[in-house]
Amino acid sequence: MYIDGFVCAAPTANRETYRRHAETAAVVFKENGALQVVEGWGDDVPEGKLTSFPMAVKRGDDETVVFSWICWPDKATRDRGMQAAMNDPRLSTEANPMPFDGKRMIFGGFEAIVQR
């Protein structure tokens, strides 16, 4: 399994807008081979003294931390699926603008080493 992980800060007032944006993206990712798409809206995300999710994404007072991941069967499927998804017109900035500051999003791809 291969996982793409994302952390961002979204305006708290735009929760429903974010949910709709994420729902559209999830459909596209699943159509392109993703096994699962999970979007988590921060509920218990403490401030840190040295590091934390809020610090990492420079969360403002009017924002909520979002933690998301996409599970793929393998990296090859992810590479093809992610490229297809990024070229899908449903995910264009005109059709589905990001309801958060993408410059503060943290993301990466991970090879699963434990799965239970």
N, C-alpha and C. Protein backbone atom coordinates (compact mmCIF):
# COMPACT_ATOMS: atom_id res chain seq x y z
N MET A 1 0.85 -1.18 0.00
CA MET A 1 0.00 0.00 0.00
C MET A 1 0.89 1.23 0.00
N TYR A 2 0.36 2.30 -0.59
CA TYR A 2 1.05 3.58 -0.64
C TYR A 2 0.07 4.64 -0.15
N ILE A 3 0.56 5.60 0.63
CA ILE A 3 -0.31 6.61 1.22
C ILE A 3 0.18 8.00 0.89
N ASP A 4 -0.72 8.87 0.45
CA ASP A 4 -0.44 10.30 0.35
C ASP A 4 -1.04 10.95 1.58
N GLY A 5 -0.27 11.76 2.29
CA GLY A 5 -0.74 12.45 3.48
C GLY A 5 -0.70 13.95 3.30
N PHE A 6 -1.65 14.64 3.91
CA PHE A 6 -1.79 16.09 3.77
C PHE A 6 -2.20 16.70 5.11
N VAL A 7 -1.64 17.86 5.42
CA VAL A 7 -2.07 18.66 6.56
C VAL A 7 -2.17 20.09 6.08
N CYS A 8 -3.28 20.75 6.40
CA CYS A 8 -3.45 22.15 6.02
C CYS A 8 -4.28 22.86 7.07
N ALA A 9 -4.40 24.17 6.92
CA ALA A 9 -5.28 24.97 7.78
C ALA A 9 -6.37 25.55 6.88
N ALA A 10 -7.61 25.29 7.24
CA ALA A 10 -8.75 25.79 6.46
C ALA A 10 -9.55 26.76 7.31
N PRO A 11 -10.10 27.80 6.70
CA PRO A 11 -10.94 28.73 7.46
C PRO A 11 -12.10 27.97 8.14
N THR A 12 -12.22 28.14 9.43
CA THR A 12 -13.25 27.43 10.20
C THR A 12 -14.64 27.71 9.64
N ALA A 13 -14.89 28.94 9.23
CA ALA A 13 -16.20 29.31 8.69
C ALA A 13 -16.51 28.61 7.37
N ASN A 14 -15.49 28.08 6.71
CA ASN A 14 -15.67 27.44 5.41
C ASN A 14 -15.69 25.91 5.48
N ARG A 15 -16.08 25.38 6.61
CA ARG A 15 -16.07 23.92 6.78
C ARG A 15 -16.88 23.22 5.68
N GLU A 16 -18.07 23.68 5.42
CA GLU A 16 -18.92 23.03 4.42
C GLU A 16 -18.34 23.20 3.01
N THR A 17 -17.79 24.35 2.72
CA THR A 17 -17.14 24.56 1.42
C THR A 17 -15.97 23.60 1.27
N TYR A 18 -15.18 23.45 2.34
CA TYR A 18 -14.05 22.51 2.30
C TYR A 18 -14.57 21.07 2.09
N ARG A 19 -15.63 20.71 2.81
CA ARG A 19 -16.17 19.35 2.70
C ARG A 19 -16.61 19.06 1.27
N ARG A 20 -17.29 20.02 0.63
CA ARG A 20 -17.71 19.83 -0.76
C ARG A 20 -16.51 19.70 -1.70
N HIS A 21 -15.51 20.54 -1.50
CA HIS A 21 -14.28 20.46 -2.29
C HIS A 21 -13.64 19.08 -2.13
N ALA A 22 -13.54 18.62 -0.91
CA ALA A 22 -12.91 17.32 -0.63
C ALA A 22 -13.74 16.17 -1.18
N GLU A 23 -15.04 16.27 -1.13
CA GLU A 23 -15.92 15.22 -1.66
C GLU A 23 -15.71 15.07 -3.17
N THR A 24 -15.63 16.19 -3.87
CA THR A 24 -15.38 16.13 -5.31
C THR A 24 -14.03 15.49 -5.60
N ALA A 25 -13.00 15.91 -4.87
CA ALA A 25 -11.67 15.35 -5.07
C ALA A 25 -11.66 13.86 -4.76
N ALA A 26 -12.35 13.44 -3.71
CA ALA A 26 -12.38 12.02 -3.34
C ALA A 26 -12.97 11.17 -4.46
N VAL A 27 -14.03 11.65 -5.09
CA VAL A 27 -14.64 10.92 -6.21
C VAL A 27 -13.61 10.74 -7.33
N VAL A 28 -12.89 11.81 -7.66
CA VAL A 28 -11.90 11.75 -8.73
C VAL A 28 -10.77 10.79 -8.36
N PHE A 29 -10.26 10.87 -7.14
CA PHE A 29 -9.18 9.97 -6.72
C PHE A 29 -9.63 8.51 -6.76
N LYS A 30 -10.83 8.25 -6.29
CA LYS A 30 -11.34 6.86 -6.30
C LYS A 30 -11.52 6.36 -7.73
N GLU A 31 -11.99 7.20 -8.63
CA GLU A 31 -12.14 6.81 -10.03
C GLU A 31 -10.78 6.47 -10.67
N ASN A 32 -9.71 7.01 -10.08
CA ASN A 32 -8.38 6.83 -10.63
C ASN A 32 -7.52 5.87 -9.80
N GLY A 33 -8.17 5.01 -9.02
CA GLY A 33 -7.45 3.92 -8.37
C GLY A 33 -7.26 3.99 -6.88
N ALA A 34 -7.62 5.09 -6.23
CA ALA A 34 -7.48 5.17 -4.78
C ALA A 34 -8.40 4.17 -4.10
N LEU A 35 -7.91 3.58 -3.04
CA LEU A 35 -8.70 2.63 -2.26
C LEU A 35 -9.58 3.34 -1.24
N GLN A 36 -9.05 4.43 -0.68
CA GLN A 36 -9.76 5.16 0.38
C GLN A 36 -9.26 6.59 0.42
N VAL A 37 -10.18 7.51 0.68
CA VAL A 37 -9.84 8.92 0.88
C VAL A 37 -10.48 9.34 2.20
N VAL A 38 -9.66 9.90 3.10
CA VAL A 38 -10.15 10.32 4.41
C VAL A 38 -9.79 11.79 4.62
N GLU A 39 -10.77 12.57 5.04
CA GLU A 39 -10.58 13.97 5.38
C GLU A 39 -10.97 14.14 6.85
N GLY A 40 -10.03 14.60 7.67
CA GLY A 40 -10.30 14.80 9.09
C GLY A 40 -10.27 16.27 9.46
N TRP A 41 -11.39 16.77 9.99
CA TRP A 41 -11.50 18.16 10.42
C TRP A 41 -11.06 18.21 11.89
N GLY A 42 -10.06 19.04 12.19
CA GLY A 42 -9.47 19.09 13.54
C GLY A 42 -10.49 19.28 14.64
N ASP A 43 -10.37 18.44 15.66
CA ASP A 43 -11.27 18.46 16.80
C ASP A 43 -10.49 18.57 18.10
N ASP A 44 -9.36 17.88 18.17
CA ASP A 44 -8.51 17.86 19.37
C ASP A 44 -7.07 17.96 18.90
N VAL A 45 -6.68 19.16 18.49
CA VAL A 45 -5.36 19.40 17.89
C VAL A 45 -4.64 20.44 18.75
N PRO A 46 -3.89 19.98 19.74
CA PRO A 46 -3.28 20.92 20.69
C PRO A 46 -2.14 21.74 20.08
N GLU A 47 -1.98 22.94 20.63
CA GLU A 47 -0.83 23.78 20.30
C GLU A 47 0.40 23.14 20.94
N GLY A 48 1.51 23.22 20.27
CA GLY A 48 2.74 22.68 20.82
C GLY A 48 3.64 23.78 21.31
N LYS A 49 4.70 23.36 22.02
CA LYS A 49 5.71 24.31 22.47
C LYS A 49 6.89 24.32 21.50
N LEU A 50 7.19 23.16 20.93
CA LEU A 50 8.29 23.04 20.00
C LEU A 50 7.80 22.72 18.59
N THR A 51 6.85 21.75 18.49
CA THR A 51 6.24 21.40 17.22
C THR A 51 4.77 21.04 17.44
N SER A 52 3.99 21.18 16.40
CA SER A 52 2.58 20.78 16.45
C SER A 52 1.99 20.96 15.06
N PHE A 53 0.83 20.36 14.83
CA PHE A 53 0.13 20.59 13.57
C PHE A 53 -0.20 22.07 13.39
N PRO A 54 -0.77 22.75 14.41
CA PRO A 54 -1.08 24.17 14.20
C PRO A 54 0.15 25.01 13.83
N MET A 55 1.28 24.73 14.48
CA MET A 55 2.50 25.47 14.17
C MET A 55 2.98 25.15 12.77
N ALA A 56 2.91 23.88 12.39
CA ALA A 56 3.44 23.46 11.09
C ALA A 56 2.72 24.14 9.92
N VAL A 57 1.42 24.35 10.05
CA VAL A 57 0.65 24.97 8.96
C VAL A 57 0.36 26.46 9.22
N LYS A 58 0.96 27.00 10.29
CA LYS A 58 0.77 28.41 10.65
C LYS A 58 -0.71 28.75 10.74
N ARG A 59 -1.44 27.90 11.49
CA ARG A 59 -2.89 28.06 11.65
C ARG A 59 -3.22 29.40 12.30
N GLY A 60 -4.14 30.12 11.70
CA GLY A 60 -4.63 31.36 12.27
C GLY A 60 -5.74 31.10 13.27
N ASP A 61 -6.11 32.11 14.04
CA ASP A 61 -7.15 31.97 15.05
C ASP A 61 -8.50 31.58 14.46
N ASP A 62 -8.72 31.93 13.20
CA ASP A 62 -9.99 31.65 12.54
C ASP A 62 -9.92 30.43 11.63
N GLU A 63 -8.92 29.55 11.87
CA GLU A 63 -8.71 28.37 11.02
C GLU A 63 -8.71 27.09 11.85
N THR A 64 -8.95 25.98 11.15
CA THR A 64 -8.94 24.65 11.74
C THR A 64 -7.95 23.79 10.97
N VAL A 65 -7.20 22.96 11.70
CA VAL A 65 -6.27 22.05 11.06
C VAL A 65 -7.05 20.89 10.43
N VAL A 66 -6.68 20.55 9.20
CA VAL A 66 -7.27 19.43 8.48
C VAL A 66 -6.16 18.41 8.22
N PHE A 67 -6.45 17.14 8.50
CA PHE A 67 -5.50 16.05 8.32
C PHE A 67 -6.16 15.04 7.38
N SER A 68 -5.50 14.76 6.27
CA SER A 68 -6.13 13.94 5.24
C SER A 68 -5.14 12.92 4.70
N TRP A 69 -5.70 11.81 4.16
CA TRP A 69 -4.84 10.85 3.50
C TRP A 69 -5.61 10.10 2.43
N ILE A 70 -4.83 9.62 1.46
CA ILE A 70 -5.37 8.81 0.37
C ILE A 70 -4.58 7.51 0.35
N CYS A 71 -5.28 6.39 0.38
CA CYS A 71 -4.63 5.08 0.32
C CYS A 71 -4.73 4.54 -1.10
N TRP A 72 -3.61 4.07 -1.61
CA TRP A 72 -3.50 3.49 -2.95
C TRP A 72 -2.99 2.07 -2.82
N PRO A 73 -3.27 1.20 -3.77
CA PRO A 73 -2.76 -0.17 -3.67
C PRO A 73 -1.23 -0.25 -3.75
N ASP A 74 -0.61 0.69 -4.49
CA ASP A 74 0.85 0.70 -4.65
C ASP A 74 1.26 2.04 -5.24
N LYS A 75 2.56 2.30 -5.27
CA LYS A 75 3.05 3.59 -5.75
C LYS A 75 2.80 3.80 -7.24
N ALA A 76 2.91 2.73 -8.03
CA ALA A 76 2.67 2.87 -9.48
C ALA A 76 1.23 3.33 -9.74
N THR A 77 0.26 2.74 -9.03
CA THR A 77 -1.14 3.15 -9.17
C THR A 77 -1.30 4.59 -8.72
N ARG A 78 -0.64 4.94 -7.63
CA ARG A 78 -0.70 6.32 -7.13
C ARG A 78 -0.15 7.29 -8.16
N ASP A 79 0.99 6.97 -8.73
CA ASP A 79 1.59 7.89 -9.69
C ASP A 79 0.68 8.13 -10.89
N ARG A 80 0.10 7.06 -11.42
CA ARG A 80 -0.84 7.19 -12.55
C ARG A 80 -2.12 7.91 -12.11
N GLY A 81 -2.66 7.49 -10.98
CA GLY A 81 -3.91 8.05 -10.49
C GLY A 81 -3.80 9.52 -10.12
N MET A 82 -2.70 9.88 -9.49
CA MET A 82 -2.51 11.28 -9.09
C MET A 82 -2.35 12.16 -10.32
N GLN A 83 -1.60 11.70 -11.30
CA GLN A 83 -1.44 12.48 -12.54
C GLN A 83 -2.79 12.66 -13.24
N ALA A 84 -3.55 11.58 -13.33
CA ALA A 84 -4.87 11.67 -13.97
C ALA A 84 -5.78 12.61 -13.18
N ALA A 85 -5.75 12.53 -11.86
CA ALA A 85 -6.60 13.38 -11.03
C ALA A 85 -6.23 14.85 -11.19
N MET A 86 -4.94 15.15 -11.23
CA MET A 86 -4.50 16.53 -11.36
C MET A 86 -4.85 17.13 -12.73
N ASN A 87 -5.07 16.26 -13.73
CA ASN A 87 -5.47 16.72 -15.06
C ASN A 87 -6.98 16.68 -15.26
N ASP A 88 -7.72 16.22 -14.25
CA ASP A 88 -9.18 16.11 -14.37
C ASP A 88 -9.80 17.50 -14.25
N PRO A 89 -10.65 17.88 -15.19
CA PRO A 89 -11.25 19.23 -15.15
C PRO A 89 -12.07 19.50 -13.89
N ARG A 90 -12.57 18.46 -13.23
CA ARG A 90 -13.34 18.66 -12.00
C ARG A 90 -12.47 19.20 -10.87
N LEU A 91 -11.15 19.03 -10.98
CA LEU A 91 -10.25 19.52 -9.94
C LEU A 91 -9.48 20.78 -10.36
N SER A 92 -9.89 21.37 -11.47
CA SER A 92 -9.24 22.61 -11.90
C SER A 92 -9.55 23.72 -10.89
N THR A 93 -8.69 24.71 -10.84
CA THR A 93 -8.92 25.81 -9.91
C THR A 93 -10.17 26.60 -10.25
N GLU A 94 -10.59 26.55 -11.52
CA GLU A 94 -11.83 27.24 -11.91
C GLU A 94 -13.06 26.47 -11.44
N ALA A 95 -13.04 25.15 -11.61
CA ALA A 95 -14.20 24.33 -11.26
C ALA A 95 -14.28 24.04 -9.77
N ASN A 96 -13.14 23.89 -9.11
CA ASN A 96 -13.13 23.47 -7.71
C ASN A 96 -11.97 24.17 -6.98
N PRO A 97 -12.07 25.49 -6.76
CA PRO A 97 -10.97 26.21 -6.12
C PRO A 97 -10.70 25.71 -4.71
N MET A 98 -9.42 25.71 -4.34
CA MET A 98 -9.05 25.24 -3.00
C MET A 98 -9.56 26.23 -1.97
N PRO A 99 -10.33 25.77 -0.99
CA PRO A 99 -10.87 26.68 0.03
C PRO A 99 -9.92 26.85 1.21
N PHE A 100 -8.62 26.90 0.94
CA PHE A 100 -7.60 27.10 1.97
C PHE A 100 -6.34 27.59 1.28
N ASP A 101 -5.37 28.02 2.06
CA ASP A 101 -4.11 28.52 1.53
C ASP A 101 -3.19 27.34 1.23
N GLY A 102 -3.10 26.96 -0.03
CA GLY A 102 -2.30 25.82 -0.44
C GLY A 102 -0.81 25.98 -0.18
N LYS A 103 -0.34 27.21 -0.01
CA LYS A 103 1.08 27.43 0.26
C LYS A 103 1.47 26.93 1.65
N ARG A 104 0.49 26.78 2.54
CA ARG A 104 0.78 26.29 3.89
C ARG A 104 0.44 24.82 4.07
N MET A 105 0.09 24.14 2.99
CA MET A 105 -0.23 22.72 3.06
C MET A 105 1.07 21.91 3.09
N ILE A 106 1.10 20.90 3.94
CA ILE A 106 2.22 19.97 4.02
C ILE A 106 1.72 18.67 3.41
N PHE A 107 2.53 18.04 2.55
CA PHE A 107 2.08 16.81 1.92
C PHE A 107 3.28 15.93 1.62
N GLY A 108 3.01 14.65 1.44
CA GLY A 108 4.06 13.72 1.09
C GLY A 108 3.49 12.35 0.81
N GLY A 109 4.30 11.51 0.14
CA GLY A 109 3.92 10.13 -0.16
C GLY A 109 4.70 9.17 0.72
N PHE A 110 4.03 8.13 1.17
CA PHE A 110 4.61 7.21 2.14
C PHE A 110 4.36 5.75 1.76
N GLU A 111 5.40 4.95 1.84
CA GLU A 111 5.28 3.51 1.67
C GLU A 111 4.81 2.93 3.00
N ALA A 112 3.76 2.15 2.97
CA ALA A 112 3.25 1.53 4.20
C ALA A 112 4.23 0.44 4.66
N ILE A 113 4.65 0.50 5.92
CA ILE A 113 5.56 -0.52 6.46
C ILE A 113 4.90 -1.36 7.55
N VAL A 114 3.76 -0.91 8.07
CA VAL A 114 2.95 -1.71 9.01
C VAL A 114 1.51 -1.50 8.62
N GLN A 115 0.77 -2.57 8.50
CA GLN A 115 -0.64 -2.54 8.14
C GLN A 115 -1.34 -3.64 8.92
N ARG A 116 -2.36 -3.31 9.68
CA ARG A 116 -3.06 -4.35 10.45
C ARG A 116 -4.54 -4.20 10.27
